[in-house]
């Protein structure tokens, strides 16, 4: 979360990729909790940076579709809210 607070978006994405790479090592509940906490922080801290927010959510979505459909759907809903807020209906 420090990288997010400092505006180091590439570093933040790299950390997220490392966390998502561990989805096969930890329990489904642990990864779900971790991703939910990250998403909460993304929503709070990156609200003014929709491009970085979208990139983070899309990274999460690409890794979740096959493994956790419930969390994948919740992430889709969060991303849809951003698109609606931006009036990006395409």
N, C-alpha and C. Protein backbone atom coordinates (compact mmCIF):
# COMPACT_ATOMS: atom_id res chain seq x y z
N UNK A 1 0.81 -1.19 0.00
CA UNK A 1 0.00 0.00 0.00
C UNK A 1 0.86 1.26 0.00
N UNK A 2 2.11 1.13 0.41
CA UNK A 2 3.00 2.29 0.43
C UNK A 2 3.23 2.80 -0.99
N UNK A 3 3.41 1.87 -1.92
CA UNK A 3 3.62 2.27 -3.31
C UNK A 3 2.42 3.05 -3.83
N UNK A 4 1.23 2.65 -3.42
CA UNK A 4 0.01 3.35 -3.84
C UNK A 4 -0.01 4.76 -3.28
N UNK A 5 0.35 4.91 -2.03
CA UNK A 5 0.33 6.22 -1.39
C UNK A 5 1.38 7.14 -1.99
N UNK A 6 2.48 6.57 -2.47
CA UNK A 6 3.54 7.38 -3.06
C UNK A 6 3.33 7.62 -4.54
N UNK A 7 2.29 7.05 -5.11
CA UNK A 7 2.02 7.25 -6.52
C UNK A 7 2.91 6.42 -7.43
N UNK A 8 3.50 5.37 -6.91
CA UNK A 8 4.37 4.50 -7.70
C UNK A 8 3.52 3.38 -8.30
N UNK A 9 2.83 3.71 -9.36
CA UNK A 9 1.83 2.80 -9.90
C UNK A 9 2.43 1.54 -10.50
N UNK A 10 3.57 1.65 -11.17
CA UNK A 10 4.19 0.45 -11.76
C UNK A 10 4.65 -0.51 -10.66
N UNK A 11 5.18 0.05 -9.60
CA UNK A 11 5.60 -0.78 -8.47
C UNK A 11 4.37 -1.46 -7.83
N UNK A 12 3.29 -0.73 -7.74
CA UNK A 12 2.06 -1.26 -7.19
C UNK A 12 1.56 -2.43 -8.05
N UNK A 13 1.60 -2.28 -9.35
CA UNK A 13 1.17 -3.35 -10.25
C UNK A 13 2.10 -4.56 -10.12
N UNK A 14 3.38 -4.33 -9.97
CA UNK A 14 4.33 -5.44 -9.79
C UNK A 14 4.03 -6.21 -8.51
N UNK A 15 3.74 -5.50 -7.43
CA UNK A 15 3.38 -6.16 -6.17
C UNK A 15 2.09 -6.97 -6.33
N UNK A 16 1.14 -6.40 -7.05
CA UNK A 16 -0.13 -7.08 -7.27
C UNK A 16 0.09 -8.37 -8.07
N UNK A 17 0.94 -8.31 -9.08
CA UNK A 17 1.24 -9.50 -9.88
C UNK A 17 1.87 -10.59 -9.02
N UNK A 18 2.77 -10.20 -8.12
CA UNK A 18 3.39 -11.19 -7.23
C UNK A 18 2.37 -11.82 -6.30
N UNK A 19 1.45 -11.01 -5.78
CA UNK A 19 0.43 -11.54 -4.89
C UNK A 19 -0.47 -12.52 -5.66
N UNK A 20 -0.86 -12.15 -6.86
CA UNK A 20 -1.75 -13.00 -7.65
C UNK A 20 -1.06 -14.29 -8.09
N UNK A 21 0.25 -14.26 -8.18
CA UNK A 21 0.99 -15.47 -8.53
C UNK A 21 0.92 -16.52 -7.42
N UNK A 22 0.56 -16.09 -6.23
CA UNK A 22 0.47 -17.01 -5.09
C UNK A 22 -0.90 -17.64 -4.91
N UNK A 23 -1.80 -17.42 -5.85
CA UNK A 23 -3.17 -17.93 -5.68
C UNK A 23 -3.22 -19.44 -5.60
N UNK A 24 -2.26 -20.14 -6.17
CA UNK A 24 -2.27 -21.59 -6.08
C UNK A 24 -1.54 -22.12 -4.84
N UNK A 25 -0.94 -21.24 -4.06
CA UNK A 25 -0.18 -21.64 -2.88
C UNK A 25 -0.99 -21.46 -1.59
N UNK A 26 -1.83 -20.46 -1.54
CA UNK A 26 -2.61 -20.16 -0.34
C UNK A 26 -4.06 -20.58 -0.56
N UNK A 27 -4.81 -20.57 0.53
CA UNK A 27 -6.21 -20.99 0.44
C UNK A 27 -7.04 -19.95 -0.32
N UNK A 28 -8.16 -20.41 -0.84
CA UNK A 28 -9.06 -19.53 -1.59
C UNK A 28 -9.55 -18.39 -0.70
N UNK A 29 -9.82 -18.68 0.56
CA UNK A 29 -10.29 -17.65 1.49
C UNK A 29 -9.21 -16.58 1.74
N UNK A 30 -7.97 -17.03 1.89
CA UNK A 30 -6.88 -16.07 2.13
C UNK A 30 -6.69 -15.13 0.95
N UNK A 31 -6.69 -15.69 -0.25
CA UNK A 31 -6.51 -14.84 -1.43
C UNK A 31 -7.70 -13.92 -1.62
N UNK A 32 -8.89 -14.42 -1.31
CA UNK A 32 -10.10 -13.60 -1.42
C UNK A 32 -10.04 -12.42 -0.45
N UNK A 33 -9.63 -12.69 0.78
CA UNK A 33 -9.50 -11.62 1.77
C UNK A 33 -8.45 -10.59 1.34
N UNK A 34 -7.31 -11.08 0.87
CA UNK A 34 -6.23 -10.18 0.45
C UNK A 34 -6.66 -9.30 -0.72
N UNK A 35 -7.30 -9.90 -1.71
CA UNK A 35 -7.74 -9.14 -2.87
C UNK A 35 -8.82 -8.13 -2.48
N UNK A 36 -9.71 -8.52 -1.60
CA UNK A 36 -10.75 -7.58 -1.15
C UNK A 36 -10.14 -6.38 -0.44
N UNK A 37 -9.13 -6.62 0.38
CA UNK A 37 -8.46 -5.51 1.07
C UNK A 37 -7.75 -4.60 0.08
N UNK A 38 -7.10 -5.19 -0.91
CA UNK A 38 -6.42 -4.39 -1.93
C UNK A 38 -7.44 -3.57 -2.71
N UNK A 39 -8.57 -4.19 -3.06
CA UNK A 39 -9.60 -3.46 -3.80
C UNK A 39 -10.17 -2.31 -2.98
N UNK A 40 -10.33 -2.50 -1.69
CA UNK A 40 -10.81 -1.41 -0.84
C UNK A 40 -9.82 -0.24 -0.85
N UNK A 41 -8.53 -0.57 -0.78
CA UNK A 41 -7.52 0.48 -0.81
C UNK A 41 -7.45 1.16 -2.18
N UNK A 42 -7.61 0.38 -3.23
CA UNK A 42 -7.62 0.95 -4.57
C UNK A 42 -8.75 1.97 -4.68
N UNK A 43 -9.91 1.58 -4.20
CA UNK A 43 -11.08 2.45 -4.28
C UNK A 43 -10.88 3.73 -3.48
N UNK A 44 -10.23 3.64 -2.32
CA UNK A 44 -10.01 4.81 -1.47
C UNK A 44 -8.90 5.71 -2.02
N UNK A 45 -7.79 5.10 -2.39
CA UNK A 45 -6.58 5.86 -2.71
C UNK A 45 -6.47 6.27 -4.18
N UNK A 46 -7.04 5.48 -5.07
CA UNK A 46 -6.85 5.76 -6.49
C UNK A 46 -8.10 6.33 -7.15
N UNK A 47 -9.00 6.84 -6.37
CA UNK A 47 -10.24 7.38 -6.91
C UNK A 47 -10.03 8.46 -7.95
N UNK A 48 -8.99 9.25 -7.79
CA UNK A 48 -8.72 10.34 -8.74
C UNK A 48 -7.91 9.87 -9.94
N UNK A 49 -7.50 8.62 -9.96
CA UNK A 49 -6.68 8.07 -11.04
C UNK A 49 -7.40 6.89 -11.69
N UNK A 50 -8.42 7.15 -12.49
CA UNK A 50 -9.22 6.05 -13.04
C UNK A 50 -8.43 5.09 -13.92
N UNK A 51 -7.43 5.56 -14.63
CA UNK A 51 -6.66 4.66 -15.49
C UNK A 51 -5.88 3.63 -14.67
N UNK A 52 -5.25 4.07 -13.59
CA UNK A 52 -4.52 3.16 -12.74
C UNK A 52 -5.48 2.20 -12.02
N UNK A 53 -6.63 2.73 -11.62
CA UNK A 53 -7.64 1.90 -10.95
C UNK A 53 -8.11 0.81 -11.90
N UNK A 54 -8.42 1.18 -13.13
CA UNK A 54 -8.86 0.20 -14.12
C UNK A 54 -7.78 -0.85 -14.37
N UNK A 55 -6.53 -0.41 -14.46
CA UNK A 55 -5.43 -1.35 -14.71
C UNK A 55 -5.32 -2.37 -13.58
N UNK A 56 -5.47 -1.91 -12.35
CA UNK A 56 -5.39 -2.83 -11.21
C UNK A 56 -6.55 -3.82 -11.23
N UNK A 57 -7.77 -3.34 -11.46
CA UNK A 57 -8.93 -4.23 -11.49
C UNK A 57 -8.82 -5.23 -12.64
N UNK A 58 -8.36 -4.79 -13.80
CA UNK A 58 -8.23 -5.69 -14.94
C UNK A 58 -7.16 -6.75 -14.69
N UNK A 59 -6.10 -6.38 -14.00
CA UNK A 59 -5.08 -7.35 -13.63
C UNK A 59 -5.67 -8.42 -12.71
N UNK A 60 -6.46 -7.99 -11.75
CA UNK A 60 -7.12 -8.93 -10.84
C UNK A 60 -8.08 -9.82 -11.62
N UNK A 61 -8.88 -9.23 -12.50
CA UNK A 61 -9.86 -9.99 -13.26
C UNK A 61 -9.20 -11.07 -14.12
N UNK A 62 -8.10 -10.73 -14.76
CA UNK A 62 -7.42 -11.70 -15.62
C UNK A 62 -6.96 -12.92 -14.86
N UNK A 63 -6.68 -12.76 -13.58
CA UNK A 63 -6.19 -13.87 -12.78
C UNK A 63 -7.29 -14.64 -12.06
N UNK A 64 -8.47 -14.07 -11.95
CA UNK A 64 -9.52 -14.69 -11.13
C UNK A 64 -10.57 -15.48 -11.90
N UNK A 65 -10.72 -15.25 -13.17
CA UNK A 65 -11.86 -15.81 -13.90
C UNK A 65 -11.99 -17.31 -13.72
N UNK A 66 -10.90 -18.03 -13.79
CA UNK A 66 -10.96 -19.49 -13.68
C UNK A 66 -10.96 -19.97 -12.24
N UNK A 67 -10.41 -19.20 -11.32
CA UNK A 67 -10.22 -19.72 -9.97
C UNK A 67 -11.30 -19.33 -8.97
N UNK A 68 -11.84 -18.13 -9.05
CA UNK A 68 -12.81 -17.67 -8.04
C UNK A 68 -13.85 -16.79 -8.72
N UNK A 69 -14.91 -17.43 -9.18
CA UNK A 69 -15.91 -16.69 -9.95
C UNK A 69 -16.67 -15.68 -9.11
N UNK A 70 -16.87 -15.94 -7.84
CA UNK A 70 -17.58 -14.99 -6.98
C UNK A 70 -16.78 -13.70 -6.83
N UNK A 71 -15.50 -13.83 -6.55
CA UNK A 71 -14.64 -12.65 -6.41
C UNK A 71 -14.45 -11.97 -7.77
N UNK A 72 -14.38 -12.76 -8.84
CA UNK A 72 -14.28 -12.20 -10.18
C UNK A 72 -15.49 -11.32 -10.47
N UNK A 73 -16.69 -11.81 -10.13
CA UNK A 73 -17.91 -11.03 -10.36
C UNK A 73 -17.91 -9.75 -9.53
N UNK A 74 -17.51 -9.84 -8.27
CA UNK A 74 -17.46 -8.66 -7.40
C UNK A 74 -16.49 -7.62 -7.97
N UNK A 75 -15.37 -8.09 -8.51
CA UNK A 75 -14.39 -7.18 -9.11
C UNK A 75 -14.96 -6.55 -10.38
N UNK A 76 -15.70 -7.33 -11.17
CA UNK A 76 -16.36 -6.79 -12.36
C UNK A 76 -17.32 -5.67 -11.98
N UNK A 77 -18.04 -5.86 -10.90
CA UNK A 77 -18.99 -4.83 -10.45
C UNK A 77 -18.27 -3.56 -10.05
N UNK A 78 -17.15 -3.69 -9.36
CA UNK A 78 -16.37 -2.51 -8.97
C UNK A 78 -15.85 -1.78 -10.21
N UNK A 79 -15.36 -2.54 -11.17
CA UNK A 79 -14.85 -1.94 -12.40
C UNK A 79 -15.98 -1.28 -13.18
N UNK A 80 -17.15 -1.89 -13.21
CA UNK A 80 -18.30 -1.31 -13.91
C UNK A 80 -18.68 0.03 -13.31
N UNK A 81 -18.58 0.18 -12.00
CA UNK A 81 -18.89 1.45 -11.35
C UNK A 81 -17.95 2.55 -11.83
N UNK A 82 -16.69 2.19 -12.05
CA UNK A 82 -15.72 3.17 -12.54
C UNK A 82 -16.09 3.60 -13.96
N UNK A 83 -16.43 2.62 -14.80
CA UNK A 83 -16.82 2.95 -16.17
C UNK A 83 -18.08 3.80 -16.19
N UNK A 84 -19.02 3.51 -15.34
CA UNK A 84 -20.24 4.32 -15.27
C UNK A 84 -19.94 5.74 -14.80
N UNK A 85 -19.07 5.84 -13.81
CA UNK A 85 -18.69 7.16 -13.30
C UNK A 85 -18.01 7.98 -14.39
N UNK A 86 -17.18 7.31 -15.21
CA UNK A 86 -16.48 7.99 -16.31
C UNK A 86 -17.37 8.19 -17.53
N UNK A 87 -18.59 7.66 -17.47
CA UNK A 87 -19.53 7.71 -18.60
C UNK A 87 -18.94 7.04 -19.83
N UNK A 88 -18.21 5.95 -19.59
CA UNK A 88 -17.62 5.16 -20.65
C UNK A 88 -18.49 3.94 -20.87
N UNK A 89 -19.45 4.04 -21.78
CA UNK A 89 -20.45 3.00 -21.97
C UNK A 89 -20.07 2.01 -23.06
N UNK A 90 -18.94 2.16 -23.68
CA UNK A 90 -18.54 1.26 -24.79
C UNK A 90 -18.06 -0.07 -24.30
